[in-house]
PDB file of N, CA and C in Angstrom:
ATOM      1  N   UNK A   1    -144.086-255.823 -29.803  1.00  0.00           N
ATOM      2  CA  UNK A   1    -144.834-254.426 -29.548  1.00  0.00           C
ATOM      3  C   UNK A   1    -145.271-254.760 -27.837  1.00  0.00           C
ATOM      4  N   UNK A   2    -144.995-254.056 -27.116  1.00  0.00           N
ATOM      5  CA  UNK A   2    -145.297-254.614 -25.324  1.00  0.00           C
ATOM      6  C   UNK A   2    -146.894-253.293 -25.206  1.00  0.00           C
ATOM      7  N   UNK A   3    -147.257-253.966 -24.628  1.00  0.00           N
ATOM      8  CA  UNK A   3    -148.927-254.055 -23.953  1.00  0.00           C
ATOM      9  C   UNK A   3    -148.746-253.487 -23.181  1.00  0.00           C
ATOM     10  N   UNK A   4    -149.527-251.979 -22.897  1.00  0.00           N
ATOM     11  CA  UNK A   4    -149.234-251.135 -21.584  1.00  0.00           C
ATOM     12  C   UNK A   4    -150.673-251.925 -20.641  1.00  0.00           C
ATOM     13  N   UNK A   5    -150.329-251.408 -19.068  1.00  0.00           N
ATOM     14  CA  UNK A   5    -151.330-251.990 -18.431  1.00  0.00           C
ATOM     15  C   UNK A   5    -152.241-250.685 -17.901  1.00  0.00           C
ATOM     16  N   UNK A   6    -153.468-250.762 -18.394  1.00  0.00           N
ATOM     17  CA  UNK A   6    -154.868-249.733 -18.566  1.00  0.00           C
ATOM     18  C   UNK A   6    -155.784-250.283 -18.116  1.00  0.00           C
ATOM     19  N   UNK A   7    -156.152-249.553 -17.247  1.00  0.00           N
ATOM     20  CA  UNK A   7    -157.257-249.670 -16.152  1.00  0.00           C
ATOM     21  C   UNK A   7    -158.675-248.539 -16.913  1.00  0.00           C
ATOM     22  N   UNK A   8    -159.499-249.161 -17.505  1.00  0.00           N
ATOM     23  CA  UNK A   8    -160.404-248.565 -17.802  1.00  0.00           C
ATOM     24  C   UNK A   8    -161.591-248.142 -16.801  1.00  0.00           C
ATOM     25  N   UNK A   9    -162.043-247.511 -16.332  1.00  0.00           N
ATOM     26  CA  UNK A   9    -163.681-247.184 -14.827  1.00  0.00           C
ATOM     27  C   UNK A   9    -164.695-246.278 -15.800  1.00  0.00           C
ATOM     28  N   UNK A  10    -165.665-246.710 -15.320  1.00  0.00           N
ATOM     29  CA  UNK A  10    -167.080-246.354 -15.933  1.00  0.00           C
ATOM     30  C   UNK A  10    -168.118-246.000 -14.779  1.00  0.00           C
ATOM     31  N   UNK A  11    -168.403-244.983 -14.883  1.00  0.00           N
ATOM     32  CA  UNK A  11    -169.828-244.817 -13.586  1.00  0.00           C
ATOM     33  C   UNK A  11    -170.685-243.520 -14.071  1.00  0.00           C
ATOM     34  N   UNK A  12    -171.429-243.966 -12.843  1.00  0.00           N
ATOM     35  CA  UNK A  12    -172.435-242.625 -13.474  1.00  0.00           C
ATOM     36  C   UNK A  12    -172.663-241.481 -12.120  1.00  0.00           C
ATOM     37  N   UNK A  13    -172.300-240.471 -12.621  1.00  0.00           N
ATOM     38  CA  UNK A  13    -172.403-238.836 -11.993  1.00  0.00           C
ATOM     39  C   UNK A  13    -173.113-237.547 -12.505  1.00  0.00           C
ATOM     40  N   UNK A  14    -174.420-237.148 -11.368  1.00  0.00           N
ATOM     41  CA  UNK A  14    -175.024-236.685 -11.724  1.00  0.00           C
ATOM     42  C   UNK A  14    -175.381-236.863 -12.937  1.00  0.00           C
ATOM     43  N   UNK A  15    -175.950-237.857 -12.832  1.00  0.00           N
ATOM     44  CA  UNK A  15    -176.963-238.585 -14.054  1.00  0.00           C
ATOM     45  C   UNK A  15    -176.221-237.838 -15.749  1.00  0.00           C
ATOM     46  N   UNK A  16    -175.190-238.231 -15.272  1.00  0.00           N
ATOM     47  CA  UNK A  16    -173.880-238.318 -16.757  1.00  0.00           C
ATOM     48  C   UNK A  16    -173.365-239.929 -16.841  1.00  0.00           C
ATOM     49  N   UNK A  17    -172.727-240.417 -17.473  1.00  0.00           N
ATOM     50  CA  UNK A  17    -172.159-241.352 -17.548  1.00  0.00           C
ATOM     51  C   UNK A  17    -170.429-240.755 -18.085  1.00  0.00           C
ATOM     52  N   UNK A  18    -169.503-241.486 -16.583  1.00  0.00           N
ATOM     53  CA  UNK A  18    -168.464-240.680 -17.158  1.00  0.00           C
ATOM     54  C   UNK A  18    -167.428-242.341 -17.166  1.00  0.00           C
ATOM     55  N   UNK A  19    -166.055-241.986 -17.896  1.00  0.00           N
ATOM     56  CA  UNK A  19    -165.379-243.059 -18.078  1.00  0.00           C
ATOM     57  C   UNK A  19    -164.080-242.844 -17.556  1.00  0.00           C
ATOM     58  N   UNK A  20    -163.033-242.899 -16.856  1.00  0.00           N
ATOM     59  CA  UNK A  20    -161.722-242.860 -16.815  1.00  0.00           C
ATOM     60  C   UNK A  20    -160.714-243.667 -17.437  1.00  0.00           C
ATOM     61  N   UNK A  21    -159.756-243.405 -18.071  1.00  0.00           N
ATOM     62  CA  UNK A  21    -158.554-244.371 -18.216  1.00  0.00           C
ATOM     63  C   UNK A  21    -157.508-244.270 -17.891  1.00  0.00           C
ATOM     64  N   UNK A  22    -156.693-244.890 -17.105  1.00  0.00           N
ATOM     65  CA  UNK A  22    -155.931-244.832 -16.276  1.00  0.00           C
ATOM     66  C   UNK A  22    -154.615-245.541 -16.655  1.00  0.00           C
ATOM     67  N   UNK A  23    -153.369-245.298 -16.304  1.00  0.00           N
ATOM     68  CA  UNK A  23    -152.364-246.025 -16.845  1.00  0.00           C
ATOM     69  C   UNK A  23    -150.920-245.676 -16.081  1.00  0.00           C
ATOM     70  N   UNK A  24    -150.648-246.398 -14.714  1.00  0.00           N
ATOM     71  CA  UNK A  24    -149.826-246.564 -13.935  1.00  0.00           C
ATOM     72  C   UNK A  24    -148.497-246.350 -14.527  1.00  0.00           C
ATOM     73  N   UNK A  25    -148.303-247.260 -15.716  1.00  0.00           N
ATOM     74  CA  UNK A  25    -146.750-247.146 -16.237  1.00  0.00           C
ATOM     75  C   UNK A  25    -146.550-245.678 -17.141  1.00  0.00           C
ATOM     76  N   UNK A  26    -147.469-245.195 -17.276  1.00  0.00           N
ATOM     77  CA  UNK A  26    -147.221-244.086 -18.197  1.00  0.00           C
ATOM     78  C   UNK A  26    -147.559-242.727 -17.246  1.00  0.00           C
ATOM     79  N   UNK A  27    -147.964-242.976 -16.007  1.00  0.00           N
ATOM     80  CA  UNK A  27    -148.092-241.710 -15.223  1.00  0.00           C
ATOM     81  C   UNK A  27    -149.582-240.921 -15.389  1.00  0.00           C
ATOM     82  N   UNK A  28    -150.554-241.379 -16.128  1.00  0.00           N
ATOM     83  CA  UNK A  28    -151.574-240.531 -16.834  1.00  0.00           C
ATOM     84  C   UNK A  28    -153.190-240.885 -16.398  1.00  0.00           C
ATOM     85  N   UNK A  29    -153.877-239.651 -16.448  1.00  0.00           N
ATOM     86  CA  UNK A  29    -155.160-239.909 -15.798  1.00  0.00           C
ATOM     87  C   UNK A  29    -156.644-239.277 -17.175  1.00  0.00           C
ATOM     88  N   UNK A  30    -156.966-240.164 -17.987  1.00  0.00           N
ATOM     89  CA  UNK A  30    -157.842-239.079 -18.753  1.00  0.00           C
ATOM     90  C   UNK A  30    -159.436-239.264 -17.842  1.00  0.00           C
ATOM     91  N   UNK A  31    -160.310-238.547 -18.257  1.00  0.00           N
ATOM     92  CA  UNK A  31    -161.546-238.774 -17.783  1.00  0.00           C
ATOM     93  C   UNK A  31    -162.598-237.999 -18.873  1.00  0.00           C
ATOM     94  N   UNK A  32    -163.420-239.077 -19.563  1.00  0.00           N
ATOM     95  CA  UNK A  32    -164.250-238.871 -20.678  1.00  0.00           C
ATOM     96  C   UNK A  32    -165.630-238.557 -20.754  1.00  0.00           C
ATOM     97  N   UNK A  33    -166.754-237.748 -20.945  1.00  0.00           N
ATOM     98  CA  UNK A  33    -167.773-237.739 -20.838  1.00  0.00           C
ATOM     99  C   UNK A  33    -168.627-239.448 -21.792  1.00  0.00           C
ATOM    100  N   UNK A  34    -169.807-238.813 -21.424  1.00  0.00           N
ATOM    101  CA  UNK A  34    -170.514-239.714 -22.626  1.00  0.00           C
ATOM    102  C   UNK A  34    -170.565-239.720 -23.948  1.00  0.00           C
ATOM    103  N   UNK A  35    -170.253-239.052 -24.242  1.00  0.00           N
ATOM    104  CA  UNK A  35    -169.941-238.343 -25.822  1.00  0.00           C
ATOM    105  C   UNK A  35    -168.625-238.554 -26.058  1.00  0.00           C
ATOM    106  N   UNK A  36    -167.499-239.500 -25.156  1.00  0.00           N
ATOM    107  CA  UNK A  36    -166.052-239.504 -25.499  1.00  0.00           C
ATOM    108  C   UNK A  36    -165.452-237.758 -25.538  1.00  0.00           C
ATOM    109  N   UNK A  37    -166.155-237.155 -24.370  1.00  0.00           N
ATOM    110  CA  UNK A  37    -165.106-235.677 -24.755  1.00  0.00           C
ATOM    111  C   UNK A  37    -164.284-235.737 -23.865  1.00  0.00           C
ATOM    112  N   UNK A  38    -163.223-235.210 -24.084  1.00  0.00           N
ATOM    113  CA  UNK A  38    -162.186-235.288 -22.942  1.00  0.00           C
ATOM    114  C   UNK A  38    -162.300-234.234 -22.036  1.00  0.00           C
ATOM    115  N   UNK A  39    -162.804-234.330 -20.526  1.00  0.00           N
ATOM    116  CA  UNK A  39    -162.837-233.605 -19.204  1.00  0.00           C
ATOM    117  C   UNK A  39    -161.739-233.073 -18.726  1.00  0.00           C
ATOM    118  N   UNK A  40    -160.980-234.217 -18.612  1.00  0.00           N
ATOM    119  CA  UNK A  40    -159.478-234.030 -17.856  1.00  0.00           C
ATOM    120  C   UNK A  40    -158.348-235.161 -18.087  1.00  0.00           C
ATOM    121  N   UNK A  41    -157.190-234.215 -17.998  1.00  0.00           N
ATOM    122  CA  UNK A  41    -156.242-235.278 -18.516  1.00  0.00           C
ATOM    123  C   UNK A  41    -155.130-234.621 -17.323  1.00  0.00           C
ATOM    124  N   UNK A  42    -154.694-235.520 -16.782  1.00  0.00           N
ATOM    125  CA  UNK A  42    -153.087-235.463 -15.962  1.00  0.00           C
ATOM    126  C   UNK A  42    -152.211-236.122 -16.122  1.00  0.00           C
ATOM    127  N   UNK A  43    -151.077-235.719 -16.419  1.00  0.00           N
ATOM    128  CA  UNK A  43    -149.796-236.632 -16.967  1.00  0.00           C
ATOM    129  C   UNK A  43    -148.794-235.981 -16.221  1.00  0.00           C
ATOM    130  N   UNK A  44    -147.702-237.121 -16.079  1.00  0.00           N
ATOM    131  CA  UNK A  44    -146.775-236.713 -14.876  1.00  0.00           C
ATOM    132  C   UNK A  44    -147.269-237.273 -13.352  1.00  0.00           C
ATOM    133  N   UNK A  45    -147.920-238.335 -13.132  1.00  0.00           N
ATOM    134  CA  UNK A  45    -148.279-238.344 -12.124  1.00  0.00           C
ATOM    135  C   UNK A  45    -147.183-239.678 -11.684  1.00  0.00           C
ATOM    136  N   UNK A  46    -147.435-240.269 -10.405  1.00  0.00           N
ATOM    137  CA  UNK A  46    -146.545-240.630  -9.559  1.00  0.00           C
ATOM    138  C   UNK A  46    -147.769-242.138 -10.188  1.00  0.00           C
ATOM    139  N   UNK A  47    -146.937-243.502  -9.670  1.00  0.00           N
ATOM    140  CA  UNK A  47    -147.491-244.640  -9.456  1.00  0.00           C
ATOM    141  C   UNK A  47    -149.141-244.388  -7.990  1.00  0.00           C
ATOM    142  N   UNK A  48    -148.153-243.703  -7.140  1.00  0.00           N
ATOM    143  CA  UNK A  48    -148.725-243.948  -5.929  1.00  0.00           C
ATOM    144  C   UNK A  48    -150.225-242.306  -6.374  1.00  0.00           C
ATOM    145  N   UNK A  49    -150.228-241.705  -6.602  1.00  0.00           N
ATOM    146  CA  UNK A  49    -150.859-240.594  -7.256  1.00  0.00           C
ATOM    147  C   UNK A  49    -151.693-241.430  -8.258  1.00  0.00           C
ATOM    148  N   UNK A  50    -151.298-241.933  -9.094  1.00  0.00           N
ATOM    149  CA  UNK A  50    -152.557-242.652  -9.724  1.00  0.00           C
ATOM    150  C   UNK A  50    -153.275-243.602  -8.773  1.00  0.00           C
ATOM    151  N   UNK A  51    -153.075-244.471  -8.279  1.00  0.00           N
ATOM    152  CA  UNK A  51    -153.231-245.223  -7.615  1.00  0.00           C
ATOM    153  C   UNK A  51    -154.320-244.454  -6.404  1.00  0.00           C
ATOM    154  N   UNK A  52    -154.375-243.139  -5.766  1.00  0.00           N
ATOM    155  CA  UNK A  52    -155.480-242.842  -4.920  1.00  0.00           C
ATOM    156  C   UNK A  52    -156.401-242.138  -5.663  1.00  0.00           C
ATOM    157  N   UNK A  53    -155.892-241.921  -6.965  1.00  0.00           N
ATOM    158  CA  UNK A  53    -156.992-241.030  -7.965  1.00  0.00           C
ATOM    159  C   UNK A  53    -158.144-242.459  -8.360  1.00  0.00           C
ATOM    160  N   UNK A  54    -157.917-243.161  -8.603  1.00  0.00           N
ATOM    161  CA  UNK A  54    -158.420-244.770  -8.757  1.00  0.00           C
ATOM    162  C   UNK A  54    -159.222-244.965  -7.375  1.00  0.00           C
ATOM    163  N   UNK A  55    -158.823-245.184  -6.085  1.00  0.00           N
ATOM    164  CA  UNK A  55    -159.117-245.189  -5.215  1.00  0.00           C
ATOM    165  C   UNK A  55    -160.308-243.994  -4.688  1.00  0.00           C
ATOM    166  N   UNK A  56    -160.494-243.207  -5.369  1.00  0.00           N
ATOM    167  CA  UNK A  56    -161.639-241.581  -5.491  1.00  0.00           C
ATOM    168  C   UNK A  56    -162.354-241.939  -6.374  1.00  0.00           C
ATOM    169  N   UNK A  57    -162.166-242.387  -7.529  1.00  0.00           N
ATOM    170  CA  UNK A  57    -162.900-243.138  -8.151  1.00  0.00           C
ATOM    171  C   UNK A  57    -163.673-243.902  -8.305  1.00  0.00           C
ATOM    172  N   UNK A  58    -163.280-244.986  -7.187  1.00  0.00           N
ATOM    173  CA  UNK A  58    -164.188-246.121  -6.707  1.00  0.00           C
ATOM    174  C   UNK A  58    -165.064-245.307  -5.588  1.00  0.00           C
ATOM    175  N   UNK A  59    -164.979-244.924  -5.085  1.00  0.00           N
ATOM    176  CA  UNK A  59    -166.047-243.802  -4.554  1.00  0.00           C
ATOM    177  C   UNK A  59    -167.226-243.425  -4.681  1.00  0.00           C
ATOM    178  N   UNK A  60    -166.741-242.994  -5.895  1.00  0.00           N
ATOM    179  CA  UNK A  60    -168.113-242.128  -6.605  1.00  0.00           C
ATOM    180  C   UNK A  60    -169.185-244.224  -7.773  1.00  0.00           C
ATOM    181  N   UNK A  61    -168.787-245.006  -7.021  1.00  0.00           N
ATOM    182  CA  UNK A  61    -169.117-246.289  -7.683  1.00  0.00           C
ATOM    183  C   UNK A  61    -168.963-246.883  -8.586  1.00  0.00           C
ATOM    184  N   UNK A  62    -167.400-245.968  -9.737  1.00  0.00           N
ATOM    185  CA  UNK A  62    -167.171-247.017 -10.523  1.00  0.00           C
ATOM    186  C   UNK A  62    -166.543-248.362 -10.733  1.00  0.00           C
ATOM    187  N   UNK A  63    -166.604-248.770 -11.729  1.00  0.00           N
ATOM    188  CA  UNK A  63    -166.906-249.965 -11.570  1.00  0.00           C
ATOM    189  C   UNK A  63    -165.599-250.167 -13.089  1.00  0.00           C
ATOM    190  N   UNK A  64    -164.687-250.985 -12.753  1.00  0.00           N
ATOM    191  CA  UNK A  64    -163.776-251.753 -13.643  1.00  0.00           C
ATOM    192  C   UNK A  64    -163.512-252.110 -14.658  1.00  0.00           C
ATOM    193  N   UNK A  65    -163.404-251.827 -16.093  1.00  0.00           N
ATOM    194  CA  UNK A  65    -164.462-252.878 -16.990  1.00  0.00           C
ATOM    195  C   UNK A  65    -162.617-253.391 -17.457  1.00  0.00           C
ATOM    196  N   UNK A  66    -162.937-255.037 -18.215  1.00  0.00           N
ATOM    197  CA  UNK A  66    -161.817-255.161 -18.943  1.00  0.00           C
ATOM    198  C   UNK A  66    -161.406-254.468 -19.939  1.00  0.00           C
ATOM    199  N   UNK A  67    -160.278-254.888 -20.634  1.00  0.00           N
ATOM    200  CA  UNK A  67    -160.031-253.794 -22.227  1.00  0.00           C
ATOM    201  C   UNK A  67    -160.936-254.679 -22.654  1.00  0.00           C
ATOM    202  N   UNK A  68    -161.393-255.461 -22.911  1.00  0.00           N
ATOM    203  CA  UNK A  68    -161.976-256.441 -23.866  1.00  0.00           C
ATOM    204  C   UNK A  68    -163.516-256.542 -23.517  1.00  0.00           C
ATOM    205  N   UNK A  69    -164.118-255.890 -22.772  1.00  0.00           N
ATOM    206  CA  UNK A  69    -165.590-255.783 -22.399  1.00  0.00           C
ATOM    207  C   UNK A  69    -166.146-255.132 -23.395  1.00  0.00           C
ATOM    208  N   UNK A  70    -167.186-255.400 -23.586  1.00  0.00           N
ATOM    209  CA  UNK A  70    -168.607-255.087 -24.752  1.00  0.00           C
ATOM    210  C   UNK A  70    -168.396-253.422 -23.970  1.00  0.00           C
ATOM    211  N   UNK A  71    -169.073-252.341 -24.371  1.00  0.00           N
ATOM    212  CA  UNK A  71    -169.015-251.055 -24.035  1.00  0.00           C
ATOM    213  C   UNK A  71    -170.771-251.184 -23.379  1.00  0.00           C
ATOM    214  N   UNK A  72    -170.810-250.371 -22.187  1.00  0.00           N
ATOM    215  CA  UNK A  72    -171.976-250.477 -21.258  1.00  0.00           C
ATOM    216  C   UNK A  72    -172.306-251.818 -21.010  1.00  0.00           C
ATOM    217  N   UNK A  73    -171.724-252.966 -20.609  1.00  0.00           N
ATOM    218  CA  UNK A  73    -171.580-254.045 -20.308  1.00  0.00           C
ATOM    219  C   UNK A  73    -171.886-254.423 -18.177  1.00  0.00           C
ATOM    220  N   UNK A  74    -171.470-253.023 -18.295  1.00  0.00           N
ATOM    221  CA  UNK A  74    -171.854-253.401 -16.331  1.00  0.00           C
ATOM    222  C   UNK A  74    -173.048-252.217 -15.901  1.00  0.00           C
ATOM    223  N   UNK A  75    -173.457-251.950 -17.454  1.00  0.00           N
ATOM    224  CA  UNK A  75    -174.857-251.276 -16.826  1.00  0.00           C
ATOM    225  C   UNK A  75    -175.950-252.689 -16.401  1.00  0.00           C
TER     226      UNK A  75
END
């Protein structure tokens, strides 16, 4: 079973905790709210587009989490 490179991002925006999961290999970005409701899903993105979205997420103060990190450790 092959492991995919997935990045997990968390940040606070407008008093709400948001989480994004991005995958350059699949070309997808998924953004969830604090209750894990899917807010936005984009598929069919190029690697460059995924990187650009990640850069924009970082501008909101997002922190990249390790796949095995405990939830909300970044707070």
